[in-house]
C-alpha atoms as a PDB file:
ATOM      1  CA  MET A   1     -61.798   2.827 -44.604  1.00  0.00           C
ATOM      2  CA  MET A   2     -62.631   2.426 -40.936  1.00  0.00           C
ATOM      3  CA  LYS A   3     -59.455   0.442 -40.346  1.00  0.00           C
ATOM      4  CA  ARG A   4     -57.439   3.302 -41.834  1.00  0.00           C
ATOM      5  CA  ASN A   5     -59.083   5.848 -39.505  1.00  0.00           C
ATOM      6  CA  PHE A   6     -58.370   3.573 -36.545  1.00  0.00           C
ATOM      7  CA  LEU A   7     -54.697   3.357 -37.539  1.00  0.00           C
ATOM      8  CA  LYS A   8     -54.456   7.149 -37.873  1.00  0.00           C
ATOM      9  CA  ALA A   9     -56.061   7.674 -34.480  1.00  0.00           C
ATOM     10  CA  SER A  10     -53.792   5.074 -32.902  1.00  0.00           C
ATOM     11  CA  LEU A  11     -50.732   6.701 -34.434  1.00  0.00           C
ATOM     12  CA  LEU A  12     -51.764  10.139 -33.182  1.00  0.00           C
ATOM     13  CA  ILE A  13     -52.336   8.800 -29.673  1.00  0.00           C
ATOM     14  CA  LEU A  14     -48.973   7.040 -29.712  1.00  0.00           C
ATOM     15  CA  LEU A  15     -47.131  10.128 -30.938  1.00  0.00           C
ATOM     16  CA  GLY A  16     -48.918  12.286 -28.382  1.00  0.00           C
ATOM     17  CA  SER A  17     -47.892   9.898 -25.631  1.00  0.00           C
ATOM     18  CA  TYR A  18     -44.264  10.006 -26.744  1.00  0.00           C
ATOM     19  CA  ALA A  19     -44.356  13.799 -26.871  1.00  0.00           C
ATOM     20  CA  ALA A  20     -45.835  14.027 -23.376  1.00  0.00           C
ATOM     21  CA  ALA A  21     -43.247  11.602 -22.010  1.00  0.00           C
ATOM     22  CA  GLY A  22     -40.452  13.545 -23.680  1.00  0.00           C
ATOM     23  CA  LEU A  23     -41.611  16.851 -22.263  1.00  0.00           C
ATOM     24  CA  SER A  24     -41.977  15.474 -18.757  1.00  0.00           C
ATOM     25  CA  ALA A  25     -38.503  13.929 -19.014  1.00  0.00           C
ATOM     26  CA  CYS A  26     -37.064  17.363 -19.789  1.00  0.00           C
ATOM     27  CA  ASN A  27     -38.525  18.706 -16.564  1.00  0.00           C
ATOM     28  CA  THR A  28     -37.189  15.731 -14.643  1.00  0.00           C
ATOM     29  CA  VAL A  29     -33.689  16.118 -16.068  1.00  0.00           C
ATOM     30  CA  GLU A  30     -33.756  19.842 -15.358  1.00  0.00           C
ATOM     31  CA  GLY A  31     -34.696  19.174 -11.733  1.00  0.00           C
ATOM     32  CA  ALA A  32     -31.981  16.537 -11.411  1.00  0.00           C
ATOM     33  CA  GLY A  33     -29.471  19.019 -12.822  1.00  0.00           C
ATOM     34  CA  ARG A  34     -30.440  21.552 -10.177  1.00  0.00           C
ATOM     35  CA  ASP A  35     -30.027  18.909  -7.466  1.00  0.00           C
ATOM     36  CA  VAL A  36     -26.561  17.968  -8.731  1.00  0.00           C
ATOM     37  CA  LYS A  37     -25.578  21.627  -8.885  1.00  0.00           C
ATOM     38  CA  ALA A  38     -26.748  22.205  -5.306  1.00  0.00           C
ATOM     39  CA  THR A  39     -24.821  19.141  -4.140  1.00  0.00           C
ATOM     40  CA  GLY A  40     -21.673  20.382  -5.897  1.00  0.00           C
ATOM     41  CA  SER A  41     -22.037  23.783  -4.260  1.00  0.00           C
ATOM     42  CA  SER A  42     -22.361  22.151  -0.841  1.00  0.00           C
ATOM     43  CA  ILE A  43     -19.218  20.106  -1.434  1.00  0.00           C
ATOM     44  CA  GLU A  44     -17.306  23.209  -2.547  1.00  0.00           C
ATOM     45  CA  ASP A  45     -18.436  25.102   0.558  1.00  0.00           C
ATOM     46  CA  SER A  46     -17.419  22.225   2.832  1.00  0.00           C
ATOM     47  CA  ALA A  47     -14.027  21.995   1.138  1.00  0.00           C
ATOM     48  CA  ALA A  48     -13.467  25.729   1.504  1.00  0.00           C
ATOM     49  CA  ARG A  49     -14.339  25.596   5.228  1.00  0.00           C
ATOM     50  CA  ALA A  50     -12.037  22.611   5.778  1.00  0.00           C
ATOM     51  CA  LYS A  51      -9.188  24.385   3.970  1.00  0.00           C
ATOM     52  CA  ASN A  52      -9.364  27.431   6.283  1.00  0.00           C
END
């Protein structure tokens, strides 16, 4: 019985860790997306200035 409780607790900890990692990855990807967007905007602005 105790072994079963240990397995349940271990599974819950493992799933919680995966969930936390997944949620933090979403924030990281969102931040990277903003950085890429800002870089693209800078390139567009530079191209527009060079064209004129």
